[in-house]
PDB file of N, CA and C in Angstrom:
ATOM      1  N   UNK A   1      83.623  98.770 100.275  1.00  0.00           N
ATOM      2  CA  UNK A   1      82.836  99.241  99.527  1.00  0.00           C
ATOM      3  C   UNK A   1      81.296  99.020  99.338  1.00  0.00           C
ATOM      4  N   UNK A   2      81.071  98.127  99.953  1.00  0.00           N
ATOM      5  CA  UNK A   2      79.406  98.114 100.370  1.00  0.00           C
ATOM      6  C   UNK A   2      78.690  98.707 101.864  1.00  0.00           C
ATOM      7  N   UNK A   3      79.952  99.324 102.275  1.00  0.00           N
ATOM      8  CA  UNK A   3      79.602 100.226 103.428  1.00  0.00           C
ATOM      9  C   UNK A   3      79.155 101.807 102.648  1.00  0.00           C
ATOM     10  N   UNK A   4      80.435 101.585 101.304  1.00  0.00           N
ATOM     11  CA  UNK A   4      79.875 103.111 101.059  1.00  0.00           C
ATOM     12  C   UNK A   4      78.508 103.288 100.029  1.00  0.00           C
ATOM     13  N   UNK A   5      78.677 102.007  99.350  1.00  0.00           N
ATOM     14  CA  UNK A   5      77.590 101.845  98.494  1.00  0.00           C
ATOM     15  C   UNK A   5      76.166 102.108  99.014  1.00  0.00           C
ATOM     16  N   UNK A   6      76.033 101.588 100.153  1.00  0.00           N
ATOM     17  CA  UNK A   6      74.909 101.473 101.045  1.00  0.00           C
ATOM     18  C   UNK A   6      74.815 102.258 102.489  1.00  0.00           C
ATOM     19  N   UNK A   7      75.576 102.898 102.054  1.00  0.00           N
ATOM     20  CA  UNK A   7      75.749 103.747 103.608  1.00  0.00           C
ATOM     21  C   UNK A   7      75.567 103.098 105.075  1.00  0.00           C
ATOM     22  N   UNK A   8      75.942 101.668 104.970  1.00  0.00           N
ATOM     23  CA  UNK A   8      76.162 101.025 105.986  1.00  0.00           C
ATOM     24  C   UNK A   8      75.184 100.238 105.839  1.00  0.00           C
ATOM     25  N   UNK A   9      73.556 100.684 104.987  1.00  0.00           N
ATOM     26  CA  UNK A   9      72.895  99.671 105.155  1.00  0.00           C
ATOM     27  C   UNK A   9      72.695  98.044 105.149  1.00  0.00           C
ATOM     28  N   UNK A  10      73.911  97.617 104.437  1.00  0.00           N
ATOM     29  CA  UNK A  10      74.426  96.194 103.943  1.00  0.00           C
ATOM     30  C   UNK A  10      74.268  95.280 105.394  1.00  0.00           C
ATOM     31  N   UNK A  11      74.724  95.880 106.288  1.00  0.00           N
ATOM     32  CA  UNK A  11      74.671  94.997 107.605  1.00  0.00           C
ATOM     33  C   UNK A  11      73.565  94.549 107.733  1.00  0.00           C
ATOM     34  N   UNK A  12      72.381  95.674 108.066  1.00  0.00           N
ATOM     35  CA  UNK A  12      71.345  95.532 108.346  1.00  0.00           C
ATOM     36  C   UNK A  12      70.461  94.601 107.603  1.00  0.00           C
ATOM     37  N   UNK A  13      70.566  94.528 106.153  1.00  0.00           N
ATOM     38  CA  UNK A  13      70.003  93.987 105.135  1.00  0.00           C
ATOM     39  C   UNK A  13      70.381  92.307 104.936  1.00  0.00           C
ATOM     40  N   UNK A  14      71.792  91.947 105.625  1.00  0.00           N
ATOM     41  CA  UNK A  14      72.108  90.498 105.765  1.00  0.00           C
ATOM     42  C   UNK A  14      71.602  90.156 107.068  1.00  0.00           C
ATOM     43  N   UNK A  15      71.495  90.800 107.868  1.00  0.00           N
ATOM     44  CA  UNK A  15      71.012  90.403 109.416  1.00  0.00           C
ATOM     45  C   UNK A  15      69.488  89.705 108.945  1.00  0.00           C
ATOM     46  N   UNK A  16      68.886  90.879 108.478  1.00  0.00           N
ATOM     47  CA  UNK A  16      67.304  90.421 107.760  1.00  0.00           C
ATOM     48  C   UNK A  16      67.425  89.131 107.219  1.00  0.00           C
ATOM     49  N   UNK A  17      68.477  89.272 105.824  1.00  0.00           N
ATOM     50  CA  UNK A  17      68.340  87.947 105.190  1.00  0.00           C
ATOM     51  C   UNK A  17      68.464  86.311 105.812  1.00  0.00           C
ATOM     52  N   UNK A  18      69.100  86.336 106.794  1.00  0.00           N
ATOM     53  CA  UNK A  18      69.567  85.460 107.656  1.00  0.00           C
ATOM     54  C   UNK A  18      68.419  85.206 108.234  1.00  0.00           C
ATOM     55  N   UNK A  19      67.600  86.098 109.424  1.00  0.00           N
ATOM     56  CA  UNK A  19      66.682  85.761 109.816  1.00  0.00           C
ATOM     57  C   UNK A  19      65.433  85.310 108.729  1.00  0.00           C
ATOM     58  N   UNK A  20      65.091  85.645 107.647  1.00  0.00           N
ATOM     59  CA  UNK A  20      64.347  85.374 106.514  1.00  0.00           C
ATOM     60  C   UNK A  20      64.788  83.524 106.241  1.00  0.00           C
ATOM     61  N   UNK A  21      65.925  83.177 106.527  1.00  0.00           N
ATOM     62  CA  UNK A  21      66.475  81.927 106.044  1.00  0.00           C
ATOM     63  C   UNK A  21      65.729  81.052 107.008  1.00  0.00           C
ATOM     64  N   UNK A  22      65.429  81.485 107.921  1.00  0.00           N
ATOM     65  CA  UNK A  22      64.720  80.992 109.069  1.00  0.00           C
ATOM     66  C   UNK A  22      65.776  79.641 109.464  1.00  0.00           C
ATOM     67  N   UNK A  23      67.080  79.651 109.463  1.00  0.00           N
ATOM     68  CA  UNK A  23      68.305  78.686 109.641  1.00  0.00           C
ATOM     69  C   UNK A  23      68.042  78.511 111.097  1.00  0.00           C
ATOM     70  N   UNK A  24      68.124  77.440 111.599  1.00  0.00           N
ATOM     71  CA  UNK A  24      68.027  77.261 112.943  1.00  0.00           C
ATOM     72  C   UNK A  24      69.797  76.337 113.471  1.00  0.00           C
ATOM     73  N   UNK A  25      69.661  76.032 114.562  1.00  0.00           N
ATOM     74  CA  UNK A  25      70.814  75.490 115.253  1.00  0.00           C
ATOM     75  C   UNK A  25      70.878  73.692 114.516  1.00  0.00           C
ATOM     76  N   UNK A  26      71.642  73.144 114.303  1.00  0.00           N
ATOM     77  CA  UNK A  26      71.258  71.926 113.663  1.00  0.00           C
ATOM     78  C   UNK A  26      71.426  71.813 112.221  1.00  0.00           C
ATOM     79  N   UNK A  27      71.160  72.295 111.422  1.00  0.00           N
ATOM     80  CA  UNK A  27      70.498  72.728 110.492  1.00  0.00           C
ATOM     81  C   UNK A  27      71.660  72.767 109.408  1.00  0.00           C
ATOM     82  N   UNK A  28      71.585  72.072 107.880  1.00  0.00           N
ATOM     83  CA  UNK A  28      72.576  72.236 106.614  1.00  0.00           C
ATOM     84  C   UNK A  28      72.059  73.320 105.998  1.00  0.00           C
ATOM     85  N   UNK A  29      72.734  74.492 105.453  1.00  0.00           N
ATOM     86  CA  UNK A  29      72.229  75.632 104.851  1.00  0.00           C
ATOM     87  C   UNK A  29      73.205  75.713 103.477  1.00  0.00           C
ATOM     88  N   UNK A  30      72.691  75.823 102.570  1.00  0.00           N
ATOM     89  CA  UNK A  30      73.495  76.470 101.227  1.00  0.00           C
ATOM     90  C   UNK A  30      73.583  77.887 100.961  1.00  0.00           C
ATOM     91  N   UNK A  31      74.471  78.726 100.659  1.00  0.00           N
ATOM     92  CA  UNK A  31      74.775  79.856 100.414  1.00  0.00           C
ATOM     93  C   UNK A  31      75.603  80.201  98.892  1.00  0.00           C
ATOM     94  N   UNK A  32      74.417  80.233  98.283  1.00  0.00           N
ATOM     95  CA  UNK A  32      75.035  80.589  96.925  1.00  0.00           C
ATOM     96  C   UNK A  32      75.378  81.491  96.210  1.00  0.00           C
ATOM     97  N   UNK A  33      76.114  81.778  95.203  1.00  0.00           N
ATOM     98  CA  UNK A  33      77.021  82.971  95.065  1.00  0.00           C
ATOM     99  C   UNK A  33      77.336  83.739  96.394  1.00  0.00           C
ATOM    100  N   UNK A  34      78.321  83.233  97.536  1.00  0.00           N
ATOM    101  CA  UNK A  34      78.320  83.532  98.451  1.00  0.00           C
ATOM    102  C   UNK A  34      79.771  84.884  98.604  1.00  0.00           C
ATOM    103  N   UNK A  35      80.178  85.074  97.352  1.00  0.00           N
ATOM    104  CA  UNK A  35      80.771  86.355  97.534  1.00  0.00           C
ATOM    105  C   UNK A  35      82.241  86.020  98.715  1.00  0.00           C
ATOM    106  N   UNK A  36      82.277  87.156  99.128  1.00  0.00           N
ATOM    107  CA  UNK A  36      83.558  87.038 100.025  1.00  0.00           C
ATOM    108  C   UNK A  36      82.927  86.535 101.372  1.00  0.00           C
ATOM    109  N   UNK A  37      81.759  85.965 101.300  1.00  0.00           N
ATOM    110  CA  UNK A  37      81.196  85.132 102.730  1.00  0.00           C
ATOM    111  C   UNK A  37      80.472  85.781 104.059  1.00  0.00           C
ATOM    112  N   UNK A  38      80.149  86.939 103.613  1.00  0.00           N
ATOM    113  CA  UNK A  38      79.639  87.905 104.964  1.00  0.00           C
ATOM    114  C   UNK A  38      78.038  87.131 105.578  1.00  0.00           C
ATOM    115  N   UNK A  39      77.393  85.924 104.558  1.00  0.00           N
ATOM    116  CA  UNK A  39      76.010  85.673 104.911  1.00  0.00           C
ATOM    117  C   UNK A  39      76.228  84.242 105.284  1.00  0.00           C
ATOM    118  N   UNK A  40      77.603  83.504 104.892  1.00  0.00           N
ATOM    119  CA  UNK A  40      77.833  82.308 105.105  1.00  0.00           C
ATOM    120  C   UNK A  40      78.616  82.522 106.642  1.00  0.00           C
ATOM    121  N   UNK A  41      79.026  83.719 107.008  1.00  0.00           N
ATOM    122  CA  UNK A  41      79.449  83.805 108.362  1.00  0.00           C
ATOM    123  C   UNK A  41      78.570  83.854 109.313  1.00  0.00           C
ATOM    124  N   UNK A  42      77.707  84.633 108.821  1.00  0.00           N
ATOM    125  CA  UNK A  42      76.420  85.024 109.856  1.00  0.00           C
ATOM    126  C   UNK A  42      75.479  83.590 109.854  1.00  0.00           C
ATOM    127  N   UNK A  43      74.989  82.854 109.079  1.00  0.00           N
ATOM    128  CA  UNK A  43      74.783  81.757 109.020  1.00  0.00           C
ATOM    129  C   UNK A  43      75.510  80.493 109.896  1.00  0.00           C
ATOM    130  N   UNK A  44      76.584  80.347 109.568  1.00  0.00           N
ATOM    131  CA  UNK A  44      77.460  79.850 110.669  1.00  0.00           C
ATOM    132  C   UNK A  44      77.108  79.941 112.193  1.00  0.00           C
ATOM    133  N   UNK A  45      76.774  81.145 112.363  1.00  0.00           N
ATOM    134  CA  UNK A  45      76.308  81.296 114.100  1.00  0.00           C
ATOM    135  C   UNK A  45      75.099  80.779 113.751  1.00  0.00           C
ATOM    136  N   UNK A  46      74.455  81.454 113.187  1.00  0.00           N
ATOM    137  CA  UNK A  46      73.005  80.760 113.677  1.00  0.00           C
ATOM    138  C   UNK A  46      72.848  79.022 113.345  1.00  0.00           C
ATOM    139  N   UNK A  47      73.800  78.138 112.812  1.00  0.00           N
ATOM    140  CA  UNK A  47      73.426  76.790 112.785  1.00  0.00           C
ATOM    141  C   UNK A  47      74.349  76.686 113.862  1.00  0.00           C
ATOM    142  N   UNK A  48      75.349  77.014 114.089  1.00  0.00           N
ATOM    143  CA  UNK A  48      76.147  76.761 115.203  1.00  0.00           C
ATOM    144  C   UNK A  48      76.993  75.593 114.956  1.00  0.00           C
ATOM    145  N   UNK A  49      77.938  74.577 115.847  1.00  0.00           N
ATOM    146  CA  UNK A  49      78.534  73.484 115.690  1.00  0.00           C
ATOM    147  C   UNK A  49      77.992  72.538 115.257  1.00  0.00           C
ATOM    148  N   UNK A  50      76.511  71.949 115.594  1.00  0.00           N
ATOM    149  CA  UNK A  50      76.180  71.040 114.969  1.00  0.00           C
ATOM    150  C   UNK A  50      75.552  71.551 113.456  1.00  0.00           C
ATOM    151  N   UNK A  51      75.721  72.761 112.896  1.00  0.00           N
ATOM    152  CA  UNK A  51      75.226  72.643 111.586  1.00  0.00           C
ATOM    153  C   UNK A  51      76.254  72.647 110.423  1.00  0.00           C
ATOM    154  N   UNK A  52      75.872  73.030 109.198  1.00  0.00           N
ATOM    155  CA  UNK A  52      76.927  73.272 107.960  1.00  0.00           C
ATOM    156  C   UNK A  52      76.280  74.221 107.060  1.00  0.00           C
ATOM    157  N   UNK A  53      77.233  75.263 106.829  1.00  0.00           N
ATOM    158  CA  UNK A  53      76.677  76.199 105.876  1.00  0.00           C
ATOM    159  C   UNK A  53      77.710  75.494 104.869  1.00  0.00           C
ATOM    160  N   UNK A  54      77.517  75.469 103.817  1.00  0.00           N
ATOM    161  CA  UNK A  54      77.823  75.234 102.490  1.00  0.00           C
ATOM    162  C   UNK A  54      77.915  76.385 101.413  1.00  0.00           C
ATOM    163  N   UNK A  55      79.182  77.045 101.242  1.00  0.00           N
ATOM    164  CA  UNK A  55      79.452  78.004 100.773  1.00  0.00           C
ATOM    165  C   UNK A  55      79.829  78.078  99.605  1.00  0.00           C
ATOM    166  N   UNK A  56      79.084  78.556  97.852  1.00  0.00           N
ATOM    167  CA  UNK A  56      79.504  78.302  96.901  1.00  0.00           C
ATOM    168  C   UNK A  56      79.270  79.532  96.235  1.00  0.00           C
ATOM    169  N   UNK A  57      80.754  79.622  95.145  1.00  0.00           N
ATOM    170  CA  UNK A  57      80.542  80.586  94.287  1.00  0.00           C
ATOM    171  C   UNK A  57      81.614  80.104  92.738  1.00  0.00           C
ATOM    172  N   UNK A  58      81.024  80.850  92.073  1.00  0.00           N
ATOM    173  CA  UNK A  58      81.544  80.760  90.448  1.00  0.00           C
ATOM    174  C   UNK A  58      82.829  81.200  90.553  1.00  0.00           C
ATOM    175  N   UNK A  59      82.888  82.236  91.055  1.00  0.00           N
ATOM    176  CA  UNK A  59      84.626  83.194  91.326  1.00  0.00           C
ATOM    177  C   UNK A  59      85.327  82.254  92.514  1.00  0.00           C
ATOM    178  N   UNK A  60      86.372  81.554  91.957  1.00  0.00           N
ATOM    179  CA  UNK A  60      87.716  81.362  92.447  1.00  0.00           C
ATOM    180  C   UNK A  60      88.276  82.135  93.092  1.00  0.00           C
ATOM    181  N   UNK A  61      87.944  83.561  92.952  1.00  0.00           N
ATOM    182  CA  UNK A  61      89.086  84.596  94.034  1.00  0.00           C
ATOM    183  C   UNK A  61      87.822  84.754  94.783  1.00  0.00           C
ATOM    184  N   UNK A  62      86.309  85.104  94.480  1.00  0.00           N
ATOM    185  CA  UNK A  62      85.851  85.256  95.758  1.00  0.00           C
ATOM    186  C   UNK A  62      85.950  84.410  96.815  1.00  0.00           C
ATOM    187  N   UNK A  63      86.025  83.057  96.469  1.00  0.00           N
ATOM    188  CA  UNK A  63      86.081  82.160  97.414  1.00  0.00           C
ATOM    189  C   UNK A  63      87.053  81.849  98.362  1.00  0.00           C
ATOM    190  N   UNK A  64      88.447  82.581  97.513  1.00  0.00           N
ATOM    191  CA  UNK A  64      89.824  82.257  98.227  1.00  0.00           C
ATOM    192  C   UNK A  64      89.780  83.667  99.015  1.00  0.00           C
ATOM    193  N   UNK A  65      88.957  84.749  98.670  1.00  0.00           N
ATOM    194  CA  UNK A  65      88.680  85.588  99.951  1.00  0.00           C
ATOM    195  C   UNK A  65      87.861  85.296 101.099  1.00  0.00           C
ATOM    196  N   UNK A  66      86.434  84.618 100.973  1.00  0.00           N
ATOM    197  CA  UNK A  66      86.235  83.774 102.157  1.00  0.00           C
ATOM    198  C   UNK A  66      86.776  83.119 102.843  1.00  0.00           C
ATOM    199  N   UNK A  67      87.606  82.066 102.354  1.00  0.00           N
ATOM    200  CA  UNK A  67      88.416  80.921 102.908  1.00  0.00           C
ATOM    201  C   UNK A  67      89.255  81.785 103.852  1.00  0.00           C
ATOM    202  N   UNK A  68      90.142  83.285 103.026  1.00  0.00           N
ATOM    203  CA  UNK A  68      91.047  83.603 103.812  1.00  0.00           C
ATOM    204  C   UNK A  68      90.255  84.578 104.968  1.00  0.00           C
ATOM    205  N   UNK A  69      89.206  85.265 104.804  1.00  0.00           N
ATOM    206  CA  UNK A  69      88.115  85.818 105.927  1.00  0.00           C
ATOM    207  C   UNK A  69      88.279  85.043 106.676  1.00  0.00           C
ATOM    208  N   UNK A  70      87.656  83.504 106.739  1.00  0.00           N
ATOM    209  CA  UNK A  70      87.578  82.394 107.577  1.00  0.00           C
ATOM    210  C   UNK A  70      88.836  82.337 108.488  1.00  0.00           C
ATOM    211  N   UNK A  71      89.521  82.198 108.009  1.00  0.00           N
ATOM    212  CA  UNK A  71      91.025  81.831 109.063  1.00  0.00           C
ATOM    213  C   UNK A  71      90.938  83.019 109.648  1.00  0.00           C
ATOM    214  N   UNK A  72      91.102  84.357 109.190  1.00  0.00           N
ATOM    215  CA  UNK A  72      91.157  85.322 110.113  1.00  0.00           C
ATOM    216  C   UNK A  72      90.363  85.789 110.998  1.00  0.00           C
ATOM    217  N   UNK A  73      89.218  85.480 110.993  1.00  0.00           N
ATOM    218  CA  UNK A  73      88.019  85.886 112.006  1.00  0.00           C
ATOM    219  C   UNK A  73      87.717  84.518 112.726  1.00  0.00           C
ATOM    220  N   UNK A  74      88.780  84.446 113.648  1.00  0.00           N
ATOM    221  CA  UNK A  74      88.457  83.002 114.309  1.00  0.00           C
ATOM    222  C   UNK A  74      87.729  83.075 115.263  1.00  0.00           C
ATOM    223  N   UNK A  75      86.108  81.951 114.929  1.00  0.00           N
ATOM    224  CA  UNK A  75      85.291  81.903 115.912  1.00  0.00           C
ATOM    225  C   UNK A  75      84.839  80.250 115.680  1.00  0.00           C
ATOM    226  N   UNK A  76      84.475  79.466 116.914  1.00  0.00           N
ATOM    227  CA  UNK A  76      84.253  77.824 116.646  1.00  0.00           C
ATOM    228  C   UNK A  76      83.528  77.627 115.678  1.00  0.00           C
ATOM    229  N   UNK A  77      82.302  78.508 115.196  1.00  0.00           N
ATOM    230  CA  UNK A  77      81.505  78.209 114.793  1.00  0.00           C
ATOM    231  C   UNK A  77      81.937  78.342 112.681  1.00  0.00           C
ATOM    232  N   UNK A  78      82.721  79.077 112.717  1.00  0.00           N
ATOM    233  CA  UNK A  78      82.902  79.351 111.173  1.00  0.00           C
ATOM    234  C   UNK A  78      83.880  78.069 110.511  1.00  0.00           C
ATOM    235  N   UNK A  79      84.073  77.057 111.806  1.00  0.00           N
ATOM    236  CA  UNK A  79      85.102  75.896 111.047  1.00  0.00           C
ATOM    237  C   UNK A  79      83.722  74.755 110.356  1.00  0.00           C
ATOM    238  N   UNK A  80      82.479  75.060 110.513  1.00  0.00           N
ATOM    239  CA  UNK A  80      81.090  74.157 110.303  1.00  0.00           C
ATOM    240  C   UNK A  80      81.083  74.985 108.515  1.00  0.00           C
ATOM    241  N   UNK A  81      81.745  76.244 108.444  1.00  0.00           N
ATOM    242  CA  UNK A  81      81.620  76.474 106.865  1.00  0.00           C
ATOM    243  C   UNK A  81      82.547  75.456 105.691  1.00  0.00           C
ATOM    244  N   UNK A  82      81.891  75.100 104.594  1.00  0.00           N
ATOM    245  CA  UNK A  82      82.683  73.944 103.338  1.00  0.00           C
ATOM    246  C   UNK A  82      83.003  74.813 102.387  1.00  0.00           C
TER     247      UNK A  82
END
């Protein structure tokens, strides 16, 4: 749906957002209203295995989606998302 609504631009916006966060390797970051986890996954790569991403959302359904995607998209750094 994001691809259709933004004509694919959401991918660029998310990468810019992560860049603006200035997250670095080893940082602990908070993703408020994480939704399905897109930014959490990008932040996870940025902070690396020494860092941690805390992903929070008021919707338990969105958190379940993010957790499912975390299991499906295996990368070592994705294990640093709580």
